[in-house]
C-alpha atoms as a PDB file:
ATOM      1  CA  MET A   1     -97.974   1.649 -29.868  1.00  0.00           C
ATOM      2  CA  MET A   2     -94.792  -0.426 -30.220  1.00  0.00           C
ATOM      3  CA  GLU A   3     -92.671   2.130 -28.307  1.00  0.00           C
ATOM      4  CA  GLU A   4     -95.151   2.122 -25.413  1.00  0.00           C
ATOM      5  CA  LYS A   5     -95.055  -1.682 -25.216  1.00  0.00           C
ATOM      6  CA  THR A   6     -91.241  -1.739 -25.331  1.00  0.00           C
ATOM      7  CA  GLY A   7     -91.054   0.893 -22.598  1.00  0.00           C
ATOM      8  CA  LYS A   8     -93.307  -1.150 -20.281  1.00  0.00           C
ATOM      9  CA  THR A   9     -91.285  -4.295 -20.939  1.00  0.00           C
ATOM     10  CA  SER A  10     -87.972  -2.619 -20.201  1.00  0.00           C
ATOM     11  CA  ALA A  11     -89.410  -1.062 -17.034  1.00  0.00           C
ATOM     12  CA  ARG A  12     -90.563  -4.496 -15.842  1.00  0.00           C
ATOM     13  CA  ALA A  13     -87.163  -5.967 -16.708  1.00  0.00           C
ATOM     14  CA  ARG A  14     -85.360  -3.223 -14.760  1.00  0.00           C
ATOM     15  CA  ALA A  15     -87.669  -3.786 -11.779  1.00  0.00           C
ATOM     16  CA  ALA A  16     -87.094  -7.543 -11.863  1.00  0.00           C
ATOM     17  CA  LEU A  17     -83.340  -7.054 -12.133  1.00  0.00           C
ATOM     18  CA  GLY A  18     -83.415  -4.623  -9.228  1.00  0.00           C
ATOM     19  CA  GLU A  19     -85.287  -7.172  -7.089  1.00  0.00           C
ATOM     20  CA  PHE A  20     -82.800  -9.878  -8.081  1.00  0.00           C
ATOM     21  CA  TRP A  21     -79.802  -7.823  -6.950  1.00  0.00           C
ATOM     22  CA  ALA A  22     -81.576  -6.703  -3.761  1.00  0.00           C
ATOM     23  CA  THR A  23     -82.117 -10.321  -2.706  1.00  0.00           C
ATOM     24  CA  ARG A  24     -78.500 -11.196  -3.528  1.00  0.00           C
ATOM     25  CA  ARG A  25     -77.156  -8.296  -1.449  1.00  0.00           C
ATOM     26  CA  SER A  26     -79.394  -9.144   1.507  1.00  0.00           C
ATOM     27  CA  GLY A  27     -78.176 -12.751   1.382  1.00  0.00           C
ATOM     28  CA  LEU A  28     -74.586 -11.599   1.732  1.00  0.00           C
ATOM     29  CA  ARG A  29     -75.347  -9.650   4.892  1.00  0.00           C
ATOM     30  CA  THR A  30     -76.601 -12.508   7.054  1.00  0.00           C
ATOM     31  CA  ASP A  31     -73.360 -12.971   9.074  1.00  0.00           C
ATOM     32  CA  ARG A  32     -73.275  -9.649  10.886  1.00  0.00           C
ATOM     33  CA  GLY A  33     -71.084  -9.739  14.008  1.00  0.00           C
ATOM     34  CA  MET A  34     -69.445 -13.073  13.262  1.00  0.00           C
ATOM     35  CA  SER A  35     -66.111 -11.864  11.936  1.00  0.00           C
ATOM     36  CA  THR A  36     -64.858 -10.564  15.299  1.00  0.00           C
ATOM     37  CA  VAL A  37     -65.405 -13.938  16.955  1.00  0.00           C
ATOM     38  CA  GLU A  38     -63.804 -15.732  14.034  1.00  0.00           C
ATOM     39  CA  TYR A  39     -60.725 -13.509  14.239  1.00  0.00           C
ATOM     40  CA  ALA A  40     -60.481 -14.067  18.004  1.00  0.00           C
ATOM     41  CA  MET A  41     -60.718 -17.846  17.614  1.00  0.00           C
ATOM     42  CA  GLY A  42     -58.112 -17.797  14.855  1.00  0.00           C
ATOM     43  CA  LEU A  43     -55.763 -15.726  16.994  1.00  0.00           C
ATOM     44  CA  LEU A  44     -56.146 -18.056  19.981  1.00  0.00           C
ATOM     45  CA  THR A  45     -55.565 -21.088  17.785  1.00  0.00           C
ATOM     46  CA  ALA A  46     -52.451 -19.552  16.243  1.00  0.00           C
ATOM     47  CA  ALA A  47     -51.085 -18.687  19.684  1.00  0.00           C
ATOM     48  CA  GLY A  48     -51.720 -22.240  20.891  1.00  0.00           C
ATOM     49  CA  VAL A  49     -49.999 -23.779  17.877  1.00  0.00           C
ATOM     50  CA  ALA A  50     -47.040 -21.405  18.297  1.00  0.00           C
ATOM     51  CA  ALA A  51     -46.693 -22.329  21.986  1.00  0.00           C
ATOM     52  CA  LEU A  52     -46.834 -26.039  21.161  1.00  0.00           C
ATOM     53  CA  PHE A  53     -44.275 -25.605  18.370  1.00  0.00           C
ATOM     54  CA  TYR A  54     -41.963 -23.692  20.725  1.00  0.00           C
ATOM     55  CA  LYS A  55     -42.181 -26.430  23.375  1.00  0.00           C
ATOM     56  CA  VAL A  56     -41.425 -29.157  20.820  1.00  0.00           C
ATOM     57  CA  MET A  57     -38.515 -27.272  19.251  1.00  0.00           C
ATOM     58  CA  THR A  58     -36.880 -26.491  22.603  1.00  0.00           C
ATOM     59  CA  SER A  59     -37.222 -30.039  23.960  1.00  0.00           C
ATOM     60  CA  GLY A  60     -34.018 -32.042  24.465  1.00  0.00           C
ATOM     61  CA  PRO A  61     -34.284 -34.652  21.692  1.00  0.00           C
ATOM     62  CA  VAL A  62     -35.410 -32.200  18.999  1.00  0.00           C
ATOM     63  CA  SER A  63     -32.825 -29.617  19.997  1.00  0.00           C
ATOM     64  CA  GLY A  64     -30.078 -32.257  19.868  1.00  0.00           C
ATOM     65  CA  ALA A  65     -31.248 -33.467  16.458  1.00  0.00           C
ATOM     66  CA  LEU A  66     -31.269 -29.916  15.091  1.00  0.00           C
ATOM     67  CA  GLU A  67     -27.757 -29.268  16.449  1.00  0.00           C
ATOM     68  CA  ALA A  68     -26.514 -32.488  14.834  1.00  0.00           C
ATOM     69  CA  LEU A  69     -28.135 -31.533  11.529  1.00  0.00           C
ATOM     70  CA  VAL A  70     -26.546 -28.076  11.551  1.00  0.00           C
ATOM     71  CA  GLY A  71     -23.178 -29.594  12.535  1.00  0.00           C
ATOM     72  CA  LYS A  72     -23.317 -32.028   9.609  1.00  0.00           C
ATOM     73  CA  ALA A  73     -24.247 -29.215   7.236  1.00  0.00           C
ATOM     74  CA  LEU A  74     -21.335 -27.048   8.383  1.00  0.00           C
ATOM     75  CA  ASP A  75     -18.822 -29.922   8.219  1.00  0.00           C
ATOM     76  CA  ALA A  76     -19.860 -31.002   4.700  1.00  0.00           C
ATOM     77  CA  PRO A  77     -17.039 -31.034   2.150  1.00  0.00           C
ATOM     78  CA  PHE A  78     -17.400 -28.732  -0.834  1.00  0.00           C
END
């Protein structure tokens, strides 16, 4: 009688555990189709930041400051 009771309990436990994992897996799948849009937005943002950085770095005052900094570094005594 004890083995029969233990078998029913373990079967119920396995069923409950299976339901638990099924609900967890279904919860992870709620974002279908979103990753492509997220990648596109990230790519556009990165391109915009790169263009802005390029414009700032090639502007007159920043370019002059960078040239002065490199000149000081090359003329430094050792």
